[in-house]
């Protein structure tokens, strides 16, 4: 039973890591579009941008309600990455230990 619990927490941690990478790639892509390095008229770029926006919007929208853009710079991806990293490093291991202790 402990192996299944550890596997579930491993998957949760991996999904959080993927979300961090999606936030980073989305931020870089938005900068590239803003500085006109790439444009959204390219179908592939547009589809990638839409997919990343669909994945990251549920994480960024609640943070954007509390933190407005500062001088035109959106710092919500940084705040979201810090929150996800905190959950990954502190809450998941504590929850894993609590669940394993409850099982035994």
Protein backbone atom coordinates (compact mmCIF):
# COMPACT_ATOMS: atom_id res chain seq x y z
CA UNK A 1 0.00 0.00 0.00
CA UNK A 2 2.86 2.37 0.78
CA UNK A 3 4.22 1.92 -2.75
CA UNK A 4 0.91 3.08 -4.24
CA UNK A 5 0.83 6.15 -2.00
CA UNK A 6 4.41 7.00 -2.92
CA UNK A 7 3.57 6.58 -6.62
CA UNK A 8 0.57 8.91 -6.33
CA UNK A 9 2.69 11.58 -4.68
CA UNK A 10 5.39 11.08 -7.33
CA UNK A 11 2.81 11.67 -10.09
CA UNK A 12 1.50 14.76 -8.28
CA UNK A 13 5.04 16.14 -8.01
CA UNK A 14 5.74 15.41 -11.69
CA UNK A 15 2.53 17.18 -12.75
CA UNK A 16 3.48 20.21 -10.68
CA UNK A 17 6.92 20.23 -12.34
CA UNK A 18 5.27 20.12 -15.76
CA UNK A 19 3.08 23.06 -14.74
CA UNK A 20 6.16 25.07 -13.77
CA UNK A 21 7.71 24.36 -17.18
CA UNK A 22 4.45 25.32 -18.91
CA UNK A 23 4.43 28.64 -17.02
CA UNK A 24 8.04 29.35 -17.99
CA UNK A 25 7.50 28.49 -21.66
CA UNK A 26 4.28 30.54 -21.73
CA UNK A 27 6.08 33.57 -20.30
CA UNK A 28 8.95 33.28 -22.79
CA UNK A 29 6.53 32.82 -25.67
CA UNK A 30 4.56 35.90 -24.63
CA UNK A 31 7.79 37.93 -24.53
CA UNK A 32 8.76 36.70 -28.00
CA UNK A 33 5.35 37.70 -29.34
CA UNK A 34 5.45 41.08 -27.55
CA UNK A 35 8.88 41.93 -28.99
CA UNK A 36 7.77 40.74 -32.44
CA UNK A 37 10.40 38.02 -32.68
CA UNK A 38 7.66 35.58 -33.62
CA UNK A 39 4.07 36.32 -34.54
CA UNK A 40 0.80 34.58 -33.95
CA UNK A 41 -0.05 34.51 -37.66
CA UNK A 42 2.07 31.37 -37.87
CA UNK A 43 -0.41 28.53 -37.31
CA UNK A 44 1.98 26.39 -35.24
CA UNK A 45 2.94 29.27 -32.95
CA UNK A 46 -0.71 30.19 -32.54
CA UNK A 47 -1.68 26.64 -31.58
CA UNK A 48 1.18 26.33 -29.11
CA UNK A 49 0.27 29.70 -27.56
CA UNK A 50 -3.40 28.70 -27.24
CA UNK A 51 -2.53 25.34 -25.70
CA UNK A 52 -0.15 26.91 -23.18
CA UNK A 53 -2.71 29.59 -22.35
CA UNK A 54 -5.39 26.93 -21.79
CA UNK A 55 -3.07 25.01 -19.46
CA UNK A 56 -1.72 27.97 -17.48
CA UNK A 57 -4.81 30.21 -17.32
CA UNK A 58 -6.45 28.27 -14.42
CA UNK A 59 -3.28 28.78 -12.36
CA UNK A 60 -2.61 32.40 -13.34
CA UNK A 61 -6.17 33.80 -13.18
CA UNK A 62 -6.60 33.56 -9.37
CA UNK A 63 -3.16 35.10 -8.82
CA UNK A 64 -3.92 37.92 -11.29
CA UNK A 65 -7.01 38.86 -9.26
CA UNK A 66 -4.78 39.76 -6.32
CA UNK A 67 -1.67 41.07 -8.09
CA UNK A 68 -2.22 43.55 -10.91
CA UNK A 69 0.48 44.17 -13.55
CA UNK A 70 3.21 46.41 -12.15
CA UNK A 71 4.18 49.05 -14.69
CA UNK A 72 2.97 46.88 -17.54
CA UNK A 73 4.96 43.87 -16.31
CA UNK A 74 2.98 40.79 -15.28
CA UNK A 75 4.74 39.09 -12.38
CA UNK A 76 2.02 36.51 -11.74
CA UNK A 77 3.96 33.65 -13.41
CA UNK A 78 6.78 34.22 -10.92
CA UNK A 79 4.36 34.18 -7.99
CA UNK A 80 2.64 31.05 -9.34
CA UNK A 81 5.99 29.28 -9.77
CA UNK A 82 6.96 30.16 -6.20
CA UNK A 83 3.64 28.82 -4.89
CA UNK A 84 3.91 25.60 -6.90
CA UNK A 85 7.51 25.09 -5.76
CA UNK A 86 6.45 25.62 -2.14
CA UNK A 87 3.71 23.03 -2.49
CA UNK A 88 6.16 20.63 -4.12
CA UNK A 89 8.90 21.00 -1.54
CA UNK A 90 6.95 21.37 1.69
CA UNK A 91 3.31 20.32 1.44
CA UNK A 92 3.63 17.18 -0.69
CA UNK A 93 6.31 15.52 1.47
CA UNK A 94 4.40 16.40 4.65
CA UNK A 95 1.17 15.03 3.18
CA UNK A 96 2.99 11.89 2.02
CA UNK A 97 4.33 11.27 5.53
CA UNK A 98 0.91 11.96 7.08
CA UNK A 99 -0.82 9.53 4.73
CA UNK A 100 1.80 6.83 5.29
CA UNK A 101 1.51 7.27 9.07
CA UNK A 102 -2.29 7.04 8.84
CA UNK A 103 -2.05 3.82 6.85
CA UNK A 104 0.33 2.08 9.25
